[in-house]
Amino acid sequence: MPESGFHFAQPLWLLALLAIPLVWLWLRYSRTVRRRGRESLYADEHLLPWLTGEARGQMPDSTPVLAAWSMAWLLMVLAMAGPRWDYERISAFRPAAELVVLLDISASMNIRDVRPSRLDRAKQEIQDLLRLNPGLRMGLVAFATVAHVVSPVTEDMESLGRTLPSLSTDLVSLPGSRLGNALDKASLLLRGDDNALARHILLVTDGDFDEPGLLEKVDALRANNIHLHVLALGTEGGGLVPERYVPRGARTPVSRLNEEELRQLAEHGGGLYQLADYREDDTRNLLEQILANAEQQQLETMPTRVWNERFYLFLFPVIFLILYLFGRSNRFSRRLS
């Protein structure tokens, strides 16, 4: 059968057409039984037509009604079977790559050496990333001492963007910033069946991670084809952590951008180190680097075939048949009674 030829999407519905001959046989048999009811006990067989009115033509002919019902049933069954006979080719979405953003929401992100603050600047960078997204599936993880999945990997950039305003350092109960747990969360989100799909992690942070084994963990991610990129926020001069985030009696710490550590993380992750600025160049550079690792076929949309459903053509005559059957004369009840 040609691919563009006539066929049914659900051909099993055609079995319902067997109901038409069965109903005709049942009505014919039941009519004979009704005509030879209890009156046959009181009259001879050759007088029964005069008693029932058949001889005088008083019995209505139900054949047109049965034919109309049969035709309506036939057309409705054909519509349910899903007739189709041509198709169109459209381009279906296929993501170029998957990206999980790790957003640092520790207390040091409130420092204002980057205006309006490191955290607000980070949110603006992520918003730019969502707006310029050329076809990535993205997820979001917020972390400090503990990492929390804010959004799984998704194509819905609007929903992901609506979660950004609610993220703040007030959600953190313990001081400090631990990256290892956030990397584990990201690797879980990036697990999938499509091994050809490029996978990336973008770390948005001011750095200063005091935990062992980070480079080994990043090396393990790269061995699994997961690249780590870094978007750094802050300055070398740094600033004081706001007092309300410092325990009473403790010395107010100074947080400075540790570029050397962050560059090392990006190097081991096979990704790009980028210092955040107020232009879109930093975001565009990151996107170019991410897409550079994706195969060209991932950037192109995959054509798919969509059949044109024609069931409605069979329903139009059904409307007129129903109007005929349930007209003002009530043909259905009068002729089949």
C-alpha atoms as a PDB file:
ATOM      1  CA  MET A   1       0.000   0.000   0.000  1.00  0.00           C
ATOM      2  CA  PRO A   2       1.458   3.423  -0.894  1.00  0.00           C
ATOM      3  CA  GLU A   3       2.392   5.599   2.029  1.00  0.00           C
ATOM      4  CA  SER A   4       0.143   8.370   0.718  1.00  0.00           C
ATOM      5  CA  GLY A   5      -2.784   6.005  -0.057  1.00  0.00           C
ATOM      6  CA  PHE A   6      -6.085   5.565   1.723  1.00  0.00           C
ATOM      7  CA  HIS A   7      -5.965   3.617   4.986  1.00  0.00           C
ATOM      8  CA  PHE A   8      -7.469   3.564   8.487  1.00  0.00           C
ATOM      9  CA  ALA A   9      -5.639   4.559  11.659  1.00  0.00           C
ATOM     10  CA  GLN A  10      -7.786   2.208  13.827  1.00  0.00           C
ATOM     11  CA  PRO A  11      -9.031  -0.551  11.487  1.00  0.00           C
ATOM     12  CA  LEU A  12     -10.360  -2.705  14.350  1.00  0.00           C
ATOM     13  CA  TRP A  13     -13.359  -0.367  14.544  1.00  0.00           C
ATOM     14  CA  LEU A  14     -14.523  -1.875  11.231  1.00  0.00           C
ATOM     15  CA  LEU A  15     -15.558  -5.003  13.130  1.00  0.00           C
ATOM     16  CA  ALA A  16     -18.486  -2.963  14.439  1.00  0.00           C
ATOM     17  CA  LEU A  17     -19.976  -3.108  10.928  1.00  0.00           C
ATOM     18  CA  LEU A  18     -20.976  -6.705  11.671  1.00  0.00           C
ATOM     19  CA  ALA A  19     -23.751  -5.257  13.822  1.00  0.00           C
ATOM     20  CA  ILE A  20     -25.677  -4.143  10.711  1.00  0.00           C
ATOM     21  CA  PRO A  21     -26.553  -7.618   9.292  1.00  0.00           C
ATOM     22  CA  LEU A  22     -27.118  -8.954  12.811  1.00  0.00           C
ATOM     23  CA  VAL A  23     -29.672  -6.228  13.569  1.00  0.00           C
ATOM     24  CA  TRP A  24     -31.453  -6.793  10.253  1.00  0.00           C
ATOM     25  CA  LEU A  25     -31.737 -10.533  10.947  1.00  0.00           C
ATOM     26  CA  TRP A  26     -32.947  -9.946  14.497  1.00  0.00           C
ATOM     27  CA  LEU A  27     -35.625  -7.462  13.415  1.00  0.00           C
ATOM     28  CA  ARG A  28     -36.860  -9.795  10.698  1.00  0.00           C
ATOM     29  CA  TYR A  29     -37.109 -12.703  13.108  1.00  0.00           C
ATOM     30  CA  SER A  30     -38.694 -10.671  15.909  1.00  0.00           C
ATOM     31  CA  ARG A  31     -41.278  -9.215  13.490  1.00  0.00           C
ATOM     32  CA  THR A  32     -42.383 -12.723  12.567  1.00  0.00           C
ATOM     33  CA  VAL A  33     -42.702 -13.623  16.237  1.00  0.00           C
ATOM     34  CA  ARG A  34     -44.760 -10.490  16.938  1.00  0.00           C
ATOM     35  CA  ARG A  35     -47.100 -11.215  14.013  1.00  0.00           C
ATOM     36  CA  ARG A  36     -47.653 -14.741  15.263  1.00  0.00           C
ATOM     37  CA  GLY A  37     -48.339 -13.900  18.867  1.00  0.00           C
ATOM     38  CA  ARG A  38     -51.239 -14.964  21.061  1.00  0.00           C
ATOM     39  CA  GLU A  39     -53.781 -14.059  18.368  1.00  0.00           C
ATOM     40  CA  SER A  40     -52.731 -17.198  16.471  1.00  0.00           C
ATOM     41  CA  LEU A  41     -54.525 -19.199  19.169  1.00  0.00           C
ATOM     42  CA  TYR A  42     -57.871 -17.713  18.137  1.00  0.00           C
ATOM     43  CA  ALA A  43     -57.676 -17.495  14.341  1.00  0.00           C
ATOM     44  CA  ASP A  44     -56.652 -19.639  11.433  1.00  0.00           C
ATOM     45  CA  GLU A  45     -53.317 -18.949   9.776  1.00  0.00           C
ATOM     46  CA  HIS A  46     -54.847 -17.681   6.535  1.00  0.00           C
ATOM     47  CA  LEU A  47     -56.926 -15.159   8.524  1.00  0.00           C
ATOM     48  CA  LEU A  48     -54.026 -13.723  10.523  1.00  0.00           C
ATOM     49  CA  PRO A  49     -53.049 -11.105   7.884  1.00  0.00           C
ATOM     50  CA  TRP A  50     -56.593  -9.671   8.087  1.00  0.00           C
ATOM     51  CA  LEU A  51     -56.437  -9.635  11.873  1.00  0.00           C
ATOM     52  CA  THR A  52     -53.058  -7.893  12.077  1.00  0.00           C
ATOM     53  CA  GLY A  53     -53.864  -5.450   9.268  1.00  0.00           C
ATOM     54  CA  GLU A  54     -51.242  -6.664   6.819  1.00  0.00           C
ATOM     55  CA  ALA A  55     -53.847  -7.571   4.223  1.00  0.00           C
ATOM     56  CA  ARG A  56     -55.257  -4.026   4.234  1.00  0.00           C
ATOM     57  CA  GLY A  57     -51.792  -2.415   4.048  1.00  0.00           C
ATOM     58  CA  GLN A  58     -51.969  -1.036   7.573  1.00  0.00           C
ATOM     59  CA  MET A  59     -48.517  -2.256   8.591  1.00  0.00           C
ATOM     60  CA  PRO A  60     -45.949   0.538   8.035  1.00  0.00           C
ATOM     61  CA  ASP A  61     -42.869  -0.248   5.993  1.00  0.00           C
ATOM     62  CA  SER A  62     -39.811   0.146   8.234  1.00  0.00           C
ATOM     63  CA  THR A  63     -37.255  -0.538   5.508  1.00  0.00           C
ATOM     64  CA  PRO A  64     -36.369   3.154   4.865  1.00  0.00           C
ATOM     65  CA  VAL A  65     -35.825   3.750   8.589  1.00  0.00           C
ATOM     66  CA  LEU A  66     -33.646   0.663   8.945  1.00  0.00           C
ATOM     67  CA  ALA A  67     -31.665   1.665   5.863  1.00  0.00           C
ATOM     68  CA  ALA A  68     -31.117   5.164   7.288  1.00  0.00           C
ATOM     69  CA  TRP A  69     -29.970   3.785  10.633  1.00  0.00           C
ATOM     70  CA  SER A  70     -27.665   1.325   8.892  1.00  0.00           C
ATOM     71  CA  MET A  71     -26.132   4.075   6.785  1.00  0.00           C
ATOM     72  CA  ALA A  72     -25.638   6.308   9.854  1.00  0.00           C
ATOM     73  CA  TRP A  73     -23.976   3.443  11.733  1.00  0.00           C
ATOM     74  CA  LEU A  74     -21.768   2.670   8.731  1.00  0.00           C
ATOM     75  CA  LEU A  75     -20.572   6.266   8.444  1.00  0.00           C
ATOM     76  CA  MET A  76     -19.938   6.658  12.190  1.00  0.00           C
ATOM     77  CA  VAL A  77     -17.909   3.442  12.328  1.00  0.00           C
ATOM     78  CA  LEU A  78     -15.841   4.566   9.346  1.00  0.00           C
ATOM     79  CA  ALA A  79     -15.195   7.878  11.118  1.00  0.00           C
ATOM     80  CA  MET A  80     -14.094   6.095  14.314  1.00  0.00           C
ATOM     81  CA  ALA A  81     -11.704   3.939  12.263  1.00  0.00           C
ATOM     82  CA  GLY A  82      -9.752   7.096  11.369  1.00  0.00           C
ATOM     83  CA  PRO A  83      -9.701   7.399   7.574  1.00  0.00           C
ATOM     84  CA  ARG A  84      -6.646   9.138   6.150  1.00  0.00           C
ATOM     85  CA  TRP A  85      -5.103   9.323   2.719  1.00  0.00           C
ATOM     86  CA  ASP A  86      -2.423  12.001   2.623  1.00  0.00           C
ATOM     87  CA  TYR A  87       0.216  13.473   4.911  1.00  0.00           C
ATOM     88  CA  GLU A  88       2.483  16.460   5.482  1.00  0.00           C
ATOM     89  CA  ARG A  89       6.100  16.559   6.551  1.00  0.00           C
ATOM     90  CA  ILE A  90       6.896  18.849   9.469  1.00  0.00           C
ATOM     91  CA  SER A  91      10.025  19.460  11.526  1.00  0.00           C
ATOM     92  CA  ALA A  92       9.827  18.158  15.084  1.00  0.00           C
ATOM     93  CA  PHE A  93      11.847  19.697  17.896  1.00  0.00           C
ATOM     94  CA  ARG A  94      15.009  17.900  18.905  1.00  0.00           C
ATOM     95  CA  PRO A  95      17.216  19.517  21.567  1.00  0.00           C
ATOM     96  CA  ALA A  96      20.749  20.487  20.619  1.00  0.00           C
ATOM     97  CA  ALA A  97      22.057  19.702  24.109  1.00  0.00           C
ATOM     98  CA  GLU A  98      21.094  19.490  27.774  1.00  0.00           C
ATOM     99  CA  LEU A  99      22.308  21.998  30.350  1.00  0.00           C
ATOM    100  CA  VAL A 100      21.948  22.100  34.135  1.00  0.00           C
ATOM    101  CA  VAL A 101      22.649  25.424  35.822  1.00  0.00           C
ATOM    102  CA  LEU A 102      24.127  25.297  39.340  1.00  0.00           C
ATOM    103  CA  LEU A 103      23.267  28.549  41.112  1.00  0.00           C
ATOM    104  CA  ASP A 104      25.199  29.416  44.258  1.00  0.00           C
ATOM    105  CA  ILE A 105      22.857  30.965  46.869  1.00  0.00           C
ATOM    106  CA  SER A 106      25.279  31.050  49.790  1.00  0.00           C
ATOM    107  CA  ALA A 107      25.552  34.183  51.981  1.00  0.00           C
ATOM    108  CA  SER A 108      28.560  35.546  50.084  1.00  0.00           C
ATOM    109  CA  MET A 109      26.369  35.980  46.998  1.00  0.00           C
ATOM    110  CA  ASN A 110      24.743  39.003  48.715  1.00  0.00           C
ATOM    111  CA  ILE A 111      27.988  41.019  48.494  1.00  0.00           C
ATOM    112  CA  ARG A 112      27.597  44.124  46.332  1.00  0.00           C
ATOM    113  CA  ASP A 113      31.020  44.290  44.723  1.00  0.00           C
ATOM    114  CA  VAL A 114      29.014  43.419  41.598  1.00  0.00           C
ATOM    115  CA  ARG A 115      25.919  45.601  41.208  1.00  0.00           C
ATOM    116  CA  PRO A 116      23.200  45.208  42.292  1.00  0.00           C
ATOM    117  CA  SER A 117      24.601  42.118  44.054  1.00  0.00           C
ATOM    118  CA  ARG A 118      26.314  38.920  43.066  1.00  0.00           C
ATOM    119  CA  LEU A 119      23.077  36.923  43.351  1.00  0.00           C
ATOM    120  CA  ASP A 120      20.977  39.446  41.447  1.00  0.00           C
ATOM    121  CA  ARG A 121      23.620  39.601  38.742  1.00  0.00           C
ATOM    122  CA  ALA A 122      23.597  35.796  38.563  1.00  0.00           C
ATOM    123  CA  LYS A 123      19.817  35.767  38.101  1.00  0.00           C
ATOM    124  CA  GLN A 124      20.119  38.302  35.298  1.00  0.00           C
ATOM    125  CA  GLU A 125      22.712  36.109  33.598  1.00  0.00           C
ATOM    126  CA  ILE A 126      20.412  33.078  33.817  1.00  0.00           C
ATOM    127  CA  GLN A 127      17.529  35.131  32.410  1.00  0.00           C
ATOM    128  CA  ASP A 128      19.726  36.100  29.470  1.00  0.00           C
ATOM    129  CA  LEU A 129      20.559  32.436  29.010  1.00  0.00           C
ATOM    130  CA  LEU A 130      16.872  31.518  28.921  1.00  0.00           C
ATOM    131  CA  ARG A 131      16.068  34.320  26.494  1.00  0.00           C
ATOM    132  CA  LEU A 132      18.911  33.515  24.083  1.00  0.00           C
ATOM    133  CA  ASN A 133      18.415  29.761  24.344  1.00  0.00           C
ATOM    134  CA  PRO A 134      18.786  28.330  20.790  1.00  0.00           C
ATOM    135  CA  GLY A 135      17.195  24.972  21.567  1.00  0.00           C
ATOM    136  CA  LEU A 136      18.676  23.617  24.786  1.00  0.00           C
ATOM    137  CA  ARG A 137      16.832  21.651  27.401  1.00  0.00           C
ATOM    138  CA  MET A 138      17.692  23.198  30.740  1.00  0.00           C
ATOM    139  CA  GLY A 139      17.458  22.392  34.438  1.00  0.00           C
ATOM    140  CA  LEU A 140      18.264  24.384  37.570  1.00  0.00           C
ATOM    141  CA  VAL A 141      19.866  23.417  40.897  1.00  0.00           C
ATOM    142  CA  ALA A 142      20.308  25.896  43.771  1.00  0.00           C
ATOM    143  CA  PHE A 143      22.982  25.073  46.325  1.00  0.00           C
ATOM    144  CA  ALA A 144      24.831  26.306  49.384  1.00  0.00           C
ATOM    145  CA  THR A 145      25.772  23.670  51.957  1.00  0.00           C
ATOM    146  CA  VAL A 146      22.985  21.474  50.526  1.00  0.00           C
ATOM    147  CA  ALA A 147      21.826  21.304  46.898  1.00  0.00           C
ATOM    148  CA  HIS A 148      18.147  21.369  45.892  1.00  0.00           C
ATOM    149  CA  VAL A 149      16.663  20.660  42.458  1.00  0.00           C
ATOM    150  CA  VAL A 150      14.609  23.715  41.486  1.00  0.00           C
ATOM    151  CA  SER A 151      13.647  22.430  38.034  1.00  0.00           C
ATOM    152  CA  PRO A 152      14.418  19.191  36.178  1.00  0.00           C
ATOM    153  CA  VAL A 153      15.702  19.317  32.627  1.00  0.00           C
ATOM    154  CA  THR A 154      12.868  20.806  30.584  1.00  0.00           C
ATOM    155  CA  GLU A 155      12.008  22.649  27.374  1.00  0.00           C
ATOM    156  CA  ASP A 156       9.708  25.081  29.207  1.00  0.00           C
ATOM    157  CA  MET A 157      11.884  28.146  29.602  1.00  0.00           C
ATOM    158  CA  GLU A 158       9.027  30.338  30.865  1.00  0.00           C
ATOM    159  CA  SER A 159       8.291  28.114  33.844  1.00  0.00           C
ATOM    160  CA  LEU A 160      11.971  27.889  34.667  1.00  0.00           C
ATOM    161  CA  GLY A 161      12.305  31.660  34.507  1.00  0.00           C
ATOM    162  CA  ARG A 162       9.383  32.141  36.911  1.00  0.00           C
ATOM    163  CA  THR A 163      11.268  30.251  39.620  1.00  0.00           C
ATOM    164  CA  LEU A 164      14.250  32.645  39.667  1.00  0.00           C
ATOM    165  CA  PRO A 165      12.734  35.484  41.760  1.00  0.00           C
ATOM    166  CA  SER A 166      11.973  33.108  44.625  1.00  0.00           C
ATOM    167  CA  LEU A 167      15.610  32.011  44.997  1.00  0.00           C
ATOM    168  CA  SER A 168      17.503  33.900  47.697  1.00  0.00           C
ATOM    169  CA  THR A 169      20.097  33.374  50.389  1.00  0.00           C
ATOM    170  CA  ASP A 170      17.285  33.443  52.990  1.00  0.00           C
ATOM    171  CA  LEU A 171      16.538  29.845  51.997  1.00  0.00           C
ATOM    172  CA  VAL A 172      19.900  28.753  53.426  1.00  0.00           C
ATOM    173  CA  SER A 173      20.023  27.766  57.097  1.00  0.00           C
ATOM    174  CA  LEU A 174      23.684  26.713  57.338  1.00  0.00           C
ATOM    175  CA  PRO A 175      26.664  28.886  56.357  1.00  0.00           C
ATOM    176  CA  GLY A 176      29.092  27.749  53.706  1.00  0.00           C
ATOM    177  CA  SER A 177      29.093  26.537  50.123  1.00  0.00           C
ATOM    178  CA  ARG A 178      29.650  22.921  49.059  1.00  0.00           C
ATOM    179  CA  LEU A 179      29.860  22.123  45.357  1.00  0.00           C
ATOM    180  CA  GLY A 180      30.209  18.329  45.495  1.00  0.00           C
ATOM    181  CA  ASN A 181      26.558  17.658  46.363  1.00  0.00           C
ATOM    182  CA  ALA A 182      25.407  20.050  43.628  1.00  0.00           C
ATOM    183  CA  LEU A 183      27.497  18.203  41.025  1.00  0.00           C
ATOM    184  CA  ASP A 184      25.921  14.921  42.097  1.00  0.00           C
ATOM    185  CA  LYS A 185      22.421  16.380  41.683  1.00  0.00           C
ATOM    186  CA  ALA A 186      23.298  17.705  38.234  1.00  0.00           C
ATOM    187  CA  SER A 187      24.687  14.365  37.067  1.00  0.00           C
ATOM    188  CA  LEU A 188      21.456  12.664  38.107  1.00  0.00           C
ATOM    189  CA  LEU A 189      19.402  15.160  36.096  1.00  0.00           C
ATOM    190  CA  LEU A 190      21.570  14.609  33.030  1.00  0.00           C
ATOM    191  CA  ARG A 191      21.207  10.862  32.949  1.00  0.00           C
ATOM    192  CA  GLY A 192      19.339   9.772  29.825  1.00  0.00           C
ATOM    193  CA  ASP A 193      19.077   7.155  27.093  1.00  0.00           C
ATOM    194  CA  ASP A 194      20.345   9.348  24.255  1.00  0.00           C
ATOM    195  CA  ASN A 195      24.105   8.973  24.578  1.00  0.00           C
ATOM    196  CA  ALA A 196      24.718  11.136  21.481  1.00  0.00           C
ATOM    197  CA  LEU A 197      23.158  14.179  23.162  1.00  0.00           C
ATOM    198  CA  ALA A 198      25.727  16.653  24.517  1.00  0.00           C
ATOM    199  CA  ARG A 199      25.400  17.308  28.271  1.00  0.00           C
ATOM    200  CA  HIS A 200      26.726  20.310  30.147  1.00  0.00           C
ATOM    201  CA  ILE A 201      26.797  21.899  33.594  1.00  0.00           C
ATOM    202  CA  LEU A 202      27.060  25.646  34.116  1.00  0.00           C
ATOM    203  CA  LEU A 203      28.338  26.701  37.536  1.00  0.00           C
ATOM    204  CA  VAL A 204      27.268  30.241  38.473  1.00  0.00           C
ATOM    205  CA  THR A 205      29.186  31.178  41.612  1.00  0.00           C
ATOM    206  CA  ASP A 206      31.716  33.407  43.357  1.00  0.00           C
ATOM    207  CA  GLY A 207      33.875  30.365  44.187  1.00  0.00           C
ATOM    208  CA  ASP A 208      35.685  29.807  47.467  1.00  0.00           C
ATOM    209  CA  PHE A 209      34.960  26.076  47.815  1.00  0.00           C
ATOM    210  CA  ASP A 210      36.836  24.514  50.707  1.00  0.00           C
ATOM    211  CA  GLU A 211      36.239  20.794  50.129  1.00  0.00           C
ATOM    212  CA  PRO A 212      38.512  18.002  48.928  1.00  0.00           C
ATOM    213  CA  GLY A 213      38.031  15.834  45.837  1.00  0.00           C
ATOM    214  CA  LEU A 214      36.300  18.420  43.633  1.00  0.00           C
ATOM    215  CA  LEU A 215      38.707  18.052  40.714  1.00  0.00           C
ATOM    216  CA  GLU A 216      38.408  14.269  40.792  1.00  0.00           C
ATOM    217  CA  LYS A 217      34.596  14.560  40.732  1.00  0.00           C
ATOM    218  CA  VAL A 218      34.772  16.937  37.757  1.00  0.00           C
ATOM    219  CA  ASP A 219      37.133  14.535  35.955  1.00  0.00           C
ATOM    220  CA  ALA A 220      34.630  11.724  36.498  1.00  0.00           C
ATOM    221  CA  LEU A 221      31.856  13.842  35.006  1.00  0.00           C
ATOM    222  CA  ARG A 222      33.933  14.607  31.951  1.00  0.00           C
ATOM    223  CA  ALA A 223      34.656  10.907  31.517  1.00  0.00           C
ATOM    224  CA  ASN A 224      30.870  10.463  31.262  1.00  0.00           C
ATOM    225  CA  ASN A 225      30.686  13.134  28.526  1.00  0.00           C
ATOM    226  CA  ILE A 226      29.414  15.860  30.901  1.00  0.00           C
ATOM    227  CA  HIS A 227      31.247  19.177  30.514  1.00  0.00           C
ATOM    228  CA  LEU A 228      31.542  21.795  33.247  1.00  0.00           C
ATOM    229  CA  HIS A 229      31.492  25.524  32.464  1.00  0.00           C
ATOM    230  CA  VAL A 230      31.967  28.321  35.008  1.00  0.00           C
ATOM    231  CA  LEU A 231      30.377  31.770  35.096  1.00  0.00           C
ATOM    232  CA  ALA A 232      32.175  33.705  37.832  1.00  0.00           C
ATOM    233  CA  LEU A 233      30.757  36.634  39.799  1.00  0.00           C
ATOM    234  CA  GLY A 234      32.680  39.017  42.034  1.00  0.00           C
ATOM    235  CA  THR A 235      35.943  40.921  42.094  1.00  0.00           C
ATOM    236  CA  GLU A 236      39.430  40.296  43.395  1.00  0.00           C
ATOM    237  CA  GLY A 237      38.895  42.992  46.028  1.00  0.00           C
ATOM    238  CA  GLY A 238      35.743  41.253  47.193  1.00  0.00           C
ATOM    239  CA  GLY A 239      33.571  42.534  49.996  1.00  0.00           C
ATOM    240  CA  LEU A 240      32.204  41.836  53.455  1.00  0.00           C
ATOM    241  CA  VAL A 241      29.460  39.301  53.921  1.00  0.00           C
ATOM    242  CA  PRO A 242      26.347  41.133  55.271  1.00  0.00           C
ATOM    243  CA  GLU A 243      26.243  41.050  59.059  1.00  0.00           C
ATOM    244  CA  ARG A 244      22.830  39.405  59.261  1.00  0.00           C
ATOM    245  CA  TYR A 245      24.381  36.271  57.735  1.00  0.00           C
ATOM    246  CA  VAL A 246      27.279  36.197  60.227  1.00  0.00           C
ATOM    247  CA  PRO A 247      26.841  34.344  63.569  1.00  0.00           C
ATOM    248  CA  ARG A 248      26.773  36.631  66.603  1.00  0.00           C
ATOM    249  CA  GLY A 249      30.252  37.263  67.982  1.00  0.00           C
ATOM    250  CA  ALA A 250      31.984  35.938  64.868  1.00  0.00           C
ATOM    251  CA  ARG A 251      34.282  38.007  62.703  1.00  0.00           C
ATOM    252  CA  THR A 252      32.716  39.304  59.488  1.00  0.00           C
ATOM    253  CA  PRO A 253      34.399  37.362  56.670  1.00  0.00           C
ATOM    254  CA  VAL A 254      35.637  38.860  53.427  1.00  0.00           C
ATOM    255  CA  SER A 255      34.745  36.991  50.230  1.00  0.00           C
ATOM    256  CA  ARG A 256      36.970  37.452  47.177  1.00  0.00           C
ATOM    257  CA  LEU A 257      36.643  35.943  43.751  1.00  0.00           C
ATOM    258  CA  ASN A 258      39.029  33.006  43.447  1.00  0.00           C
ATOM    259  CA  GLU A 259      39.561  32.973  39.695  1.00  0.00           C
ATOM    260  CA  GLU A 260      42.393  30.470  39.809  1.00  0.00           C
ATOM    261  CA  GLU A 261      40.241  27.812  41.470  1.00  0.00           C
ATOM    262  CA  LEU A 262      37.308  28.389  39.104  1.00  0.00           C
ATOM    263  CA  ARG A 263      39.524  28.331  36.010  1.00  0.00           C
ATOM    264  CA  GLN A 264      40.942  25.026  37.192  1.00  0.00           C
ATOM    265  CA  LEU A 265      37.455  23.572  37.588  1.00  0.00           C
ATOM    266  CA  ALA A 266      36.490  24.651  34.072  1.00  0.00           C
ATOM    267  CA  GLU A 267      39.738  23.267  32.642  1.00  0.00           C
ATOM    268  CA  HIS A 268      39.204  19.849  34.216  1.00  0.00           C
ATOM    269  CA  GLY A 269      35.561  19.918  33.093  1.00  0.00           C
ATOM    270  CA  GLY A 270      36.509  20.592  29.480  1.00  0.00           C
ATOM    271  CA  GLY A 271      34.429  23.755  29.529  1.00  0.00           C
ATOM    272  CA  LEU A 272      34.698  27.527  29.383  1.00  0.00           C
ATOM    273  CA  TYR A 273      35.552  29.932  32.189  1.00  0.00           C
ATOM    274  CA  GLN A 274      33.725  33.230  31.806  1.00  0.00           C
ATOM    275  CA  LEU A 275      33.690  36.289  34.042  1.00  0.00           C
ATOM    276  CA  ALA A 276      30.175  37.783  34.206  1.00  0.00           C
ATOM    277  CA  ASP A 277      29.718  41.307  32.867  1.00  0.00           C
ATOM    278  CA  TYR A 278      26.785  43.566  32.044  1.00  0.00           C
ATOM    279  CA  ARG A 279      26.688  42.736  28.355  1.00  0.00           C
ATOM    280  CA  GLU A 280      25.345  39.648  26.596  1.00  0.00           C
ATOM    281  CA  ASP A 281      28.759  38.627  25.315  1.00  0.00           C
ATOM    282  CA  ASP A 282      29.445  36.357  28.282  1.00  0.00           C
ATOM    283  CA  THR A 283      26.167  34.468  27.790  1.00  0.00           C
ATOM    284  CA  ARG A 284      26.675  34.198  24.037  1.00  0.00           C
ATOM    285  CA  ASN A 285      30.201  32.849  24.520  1.00  0.00           C
ATOM    286  CA  LEU A 286      28.894  30.172  26.855  1.00  0.00           C
ATOM    287  CA  LEU A 287      26.156  29.154  24.426  1.00  0.00           C
ATOM    288  CA  GLU A 288      28.627  28.971  21.540  1.00  0.00           C
ATOM    289  CA  GLN A 289      30.914  26.757  23.597  1.00  0.00           C
ATOM    290  CA  ILE A 290      28.045  24.494  24.624  1.00  0.00           C
ATOM    291  CA  LEU A 291      26.762  24.128  21.071  1.00  0.00           C
ATOM    292  CA  ALA A 292      30.272  23.584  19.731  1.00  0.00           C
ATOM    293  CA  ASN A 293      30.313  20.217  21.490  1.00  0.00           C
ATOM    294  CA  ALA A 294      26.969  19.200  20.010  1.00  0.00           C
ATOM    295  CA  GLU A 295      26.850  17.349  16.723  1.00  0.00           C
ATOM    296  CA  GLN A 296      25.470  19.269  13.766  1.00  0.00           C
ATOM    297  CA  GLN A 297      22.604  16.827  13.373  1.00  0.00           C
ATOM    298  CA  GLN A 298      21.449  17.718  16.870  1.00  0.00           C
ATOM    299  CA  LEU A 299      21.023  21.350  15.782  1.00  0.00           C
ATOM    300  CA  GLU A 300      18.771  20.458  12.881  1.00  0.00           C
ATOM    301  CA  THR A 301      15.141  19.576  13.361  1.00  0.00           C
ATOM    302  CA  MET A 302      14.150  16.029  12.498  1.00  0.00           C
ATOM    303  CA  PRO A 303      11.416  15.727   9.813  1.00  0.00           C
ATOM    304  CA  THR A 304       8.409  13.656  10.720  1.00  0.00           C
ATOM    305  CA  ARG A 305       5.241  12.614   8.905  1.00  0.00           C
ATOM    306  CA  VAL A 306       1.824  13.829  10.071  1.00  0.00           C
ATOM    307  CA  TRP A 307      -1.215  12.228   8.436  1.00  0.00           C
ATOM    308  CA  ASN A 308      -4.248  14.369   7.656  1.00  0.00           C
ATOM    309  CA  GLU A 309      -7.284  12.935   9.443  1.00  0.00           C
ATOM    310  CA  ARG A 310     -10.449  12.866   7.276  1.00  0.00           C
ATOM    311  CA  PHE A 311     -12.979  11.430   9.731  1.00  0.00           C
ATOM    312  CA  TYR A 312     -15.097  14.594   9.661  1.00  0.00           C
ATOM    313  CA  LEU A 313     -16.037  13.990   6.001  1.00  0.00           C
ATOM    314  CA  PHE A 314     -18.004  10.912   7.097  1.00  0.00           C
ATOM    315  CA  LEU A 315     -19.819  12.784   9.878  1.00  0.00           C
ATOM    316  CA  PHE A 316     -21.456  15.459   7.732  1.00  0.00           C
ATOM    317  CA  PRO A 317     -24.020  13.096   6.114  1.00  0.00           C
ATOM    318  CA  VAL A 318     -24.694  11.556   9.539  1.00  0.00           C
ATOM    319  CA  ILE A 319     -26.147  14.886  10.662  1.00  0.00           C
ATOM    320  CA  PHE A 320     -28.797  14.813   7.907  1.00  0.00           C
ATOM    321  CA  LEU A 321     -29.610  11.173   8.575  1.00  0.00           C
ATOM    322  CA  ILE A 322     -30.198  11.931  12.268  1.00  0.00           C
ATOM    323  CA  LEU A 323     -32.463  14.853  11.331  1.00  0.00           C
ATOM    324  CA  TYR A 324     -34.442  12.509   9.069  1.00  0.00           C
ATOM    325  CA  LEU A 325     -34.764   9.792  11.705  1.00  0.00           C
ATOM    326  CA  PHE A 326     -35.754  12.117  14.547  1.00  0.00           C
ATOM    327  CA  GLY A 327     -37.904  14.449  12.503  1.00  0.00           C
ATOM    328  CA  ARG A 328     -41.248  15.858  13.524  1.00  0.00           C
ATOM    329  CA  SER A 329     -43.071  12.726  12.431  1.00  0.00           C
ATOM    330  CA  ASN A 330     -40.969  10.582  14.804  1.00  0.00           C
ATOM    331  CA  ARG A 331     -40.354   7.987  12.121  1.00  0.00           C
ATOM    332  CA  PHE A 332     -38.195   5.792  14.334  1.00  0.00           C
ATOM    333  CA  SER A 333     -40.832   5.005  16.979  1.00  0.00           C
ATOM    334  CA  ARG A 334     -43.772   4.929  14.543  1.00  0.00           C
ATOM    335  CA  ARG A 335     -42.310   2.556  11.989  1.00  0.00           C
ATOM    336  CA  LEU A 336     -40.437   0.169  14.277  1.00  0.00           C
ATOM    337  CA  SER A 337     -43.212  -0.219  16.835  1.00  0.00           C
END
